[in-house]
Amino acid sequence: GNRIDAEVKAIKSVISNQAENAFANKNNINYGIAFSPSYYILYSGETLATAVSTDQYNFSPEMGISNINFINLGTEINFTKGSFRPNTVGSFEIGSDGITYLITINSEGLILFSKI
């Protein structure tokens, strides 16, 4: 179970980092994360499709994300430059070896996770 716990902490950390980049007006641009079942992509820009830069992180084979659902943006979380708050809310599940966590992002930008 340690690997999934570490991965959940890492995801929480990268979401927070993207929020901080946006809040700090780094490069005067939005920051976001696009989730897929086997990887996620950190990007700068308003959407992944129009991103200025991208950085993909792949999960180990036994780990995966499912039930990705962010209001309006589908599989992406995006933070508007100058703000800590995401311009969407929603959740996804990440699981490995029979352990699954639900990760939820609320309108305040709080990242909540719970074992389900």
Protein backbone atom coordinates (compact mmCIF):
# COMPACT_ATOMS: atom_id res chain seq x y z
CA GLY A 1 0.00 0.00 0.00
CA ASN A 2 2.97 2.34 0.41
CA ARG A 3 3.30 2.98 -3.31
CA ILE A 4 -0.30 4.16 -3.72
CA ASP A 5 0.02 6.34 -0.61
CA ALA A 6 3.16 7.93 -2.04
CA GLU A 7 1.45 8.46 -5.41
CA VAL A 8 -1.55 10.16 -3.78
CA LYS A 9 0.82 12.50 -1.92
CA ALA A 10 2.72 13.21 -5.16
CA ILE A 11 -0.49 14.06 -7.04
CA LYS A 12 -1.63 16.33 -4.22
CA SER A 13 1.75 18.03 -4.40
CA VAL A 14 1.71 18.59 -8.20
CA ILE A 15 -1.83 20.00 -8.08
CA SER A 16 -0.71 22.40 -5.33
CA ASN A 17 2.36 23.36 -7.34
CA GLN A 18 0.27 24.20 -10.41
CA ALA A 19 -2.03 26.32 -8.21
CA GLU A 20 1.01 28.13 -6.77
CA ASN A 21 2.45 28.76 -10.25
CA ALA A 22 -0.85 30.32 -11.33
CA PHE A 23 -1.23 32.34 -8.13
CA ALA A 24 2.32 33.70 -8.47
CA ASN A 25 1.55 34.77 -12.05
CA LYS A 26 4.54 32.72 -13.18
CA ASN A 27 5.11 33.55 -16.87
CA ASN A 28 1.78 35.43 -16.75
CA ILE A 29 -0.15 32.32 -17.78
CA ASN A 30 -2.66 29.74 -16.49
CA TYR A 31 -1.50 26.34 -15.21
CA GLY A 32 -3.30 23.02 -15.39
CA ILE A 33 -3.20 19.26 -15.15
CA ALA A 34 -4.80 16.80 -17.55
CA PHE A 35 -5.53 13.31 -16.18
CA SER A 36 -5.64 10.03 -18.10
CA PRO A 37 -5.99 6.46 -16.85
CA SER A 38 -2.23 5.74 -17.02
CA TYR A 39 -0.60 9.18 -16.81
CA TYR A 40 -1.10 12.86 -16.13
CA ILE A 41 0.24 15.91 -17.94
CA LEU A 42 1.25 19.15 -16.25
CA TYR A 43 0.80 22.06 -18.62
CA SER A 44 0.91 25.83 -18.82
CA GLY A 45 -1.90 27.51 -20.73
CA GLU A 46 -5.68 27.57 -20.64
CA THR A 47 -6.23 24.00 -21.85
CA LEU A 48 -4.04 21.04 -22.75
CA ALA A 49 -4.97 21.55 -26.41
CA THR A 50 -3.61 25.10 -26.39
CA ALA A 51 -0.78 24.52 -23.91
CA VAL A 52 2.47 26.44 -24.19
CA SER A 53 4.41 23.68 -22.43
CA THR A 54 3.63 20.14 -21.25
CA ASP A 55 5.28 17.57 -19.01
CA GLN A 56 3.92 14.01 -18.90
CA TYR A 57 4.24 11.73 -15.88
CA ASN A 58 3.45 8.02 -16.34
CA PHE A 59 2.12 5.77 -13.58
CA SER A 60 3.61 2.38 -12.89
CA PRO A 61 1.64 -0.36 -14.72
CA GLU A 62 -0.34 -1.63 -11.71
CA MET A 63 -1.63 1.83 -10.86
CA GLY A 64 -4.38 3.73 -12.61
CA ILE A 65 -6.81 6.61 -12.51
CA SER A 66 -10.52 6.18 -13.17
CA ASN A 67 -13.83 8.06 -12.95
CA ILE A 68 -12.19 11.37 -13.87
CA ASN A 69 -14.88 14.02 -13.72
CA PHE A 70 -14.23 17.76 -13.60
CA ILE A 71 -17.15 20.11 -14.26
CA ASN A 72 -16.82 21.82 -17.68
CA LEU A 73 -13.25 20.66 -18.30
CA GLY A 74 -13.76 16.89 -18.29
CA THR A 75 -10.35 15.46 -17.44
CA GLU A 76 -8.50 18.71 -16.68
CA ILE A 77 -8.01 21.01 -13.70
CA ASN A 78 -6.95 24.54 -14.60
CA PHE A 79 -5.90 27.46 -12.42
CA THR A 80 -6.34 31.01 -13.71
CA LYS A 81 -3.24 33.20 -13.42
CA GLY A 82 -3.31 35.23 -10.23
CA SER A 83 -5.64 32.80 -8.45
CA PHE A 84 -5.31 29.77 -6.16
CA ARG A 85 -8.82 28.64 -7.01
CA PRO A 86 -9.37 26.16 -9.83
CA ASN A 87 -11.82 27.09 -12.57
CA THR A 88 -13.46 23.70 -12.15
CA VAL A 89 -14.36 21.31 -9.35
CA GLY A 90 -14.51 17.55 -9.44
CA SER A 91 -12.83 14.30 -8.55
CA PHE A 92 -11.08 11.19 -9.72
CA GLU A 93 -10.07 7.84 -8.26
CA ILE A 94 -6.60 6.39 -8.16
CA GLY A 95 -6.05 2.75 -7.37
CA SER A 96 -3.44 0.04 -7.05
CA ASP A 97 -3.36 -3.46 -5.56
CA GLY A 98 -6.96 -3.29 -4.38
CA ILE A 99 -6.52 0.07 -2.63
CA THR A 100 -8.43 3.02 -4.08
CA TYR A 101 -8.43 6.68 -3.11
CA LEU A 102 -10.97 9.30 -4.10
CA ILE A 103 -9.30 12.66 -4.75
CA THR A 104 -11.60 15.69 -4.81
CA ILE A 105 -10.81 19.30 -5.71
CA ASN A 106 -13.29 21.84 -4.34
CA SER A 107 -14.01 25.44 -5.38
CA GLU A 108 -11.60 26.81 -2.76
CA GLY A 109 -8.82 24.76 -4.34
CA LEU A 110 -8.63 22.34 -1.40
CA ILE A 111 -7.42 18.88 -2.38
CA LEU A 112 -9.17 16.23 -0.33
CA PHE A 113 -8.42 12.54 -0.42
CA SER A 114 -10.01 9.56 1.21
CA LYS A 115 -9.63 5.80 0.95
CA ILE A 116 -12.74 4.20 -0.51
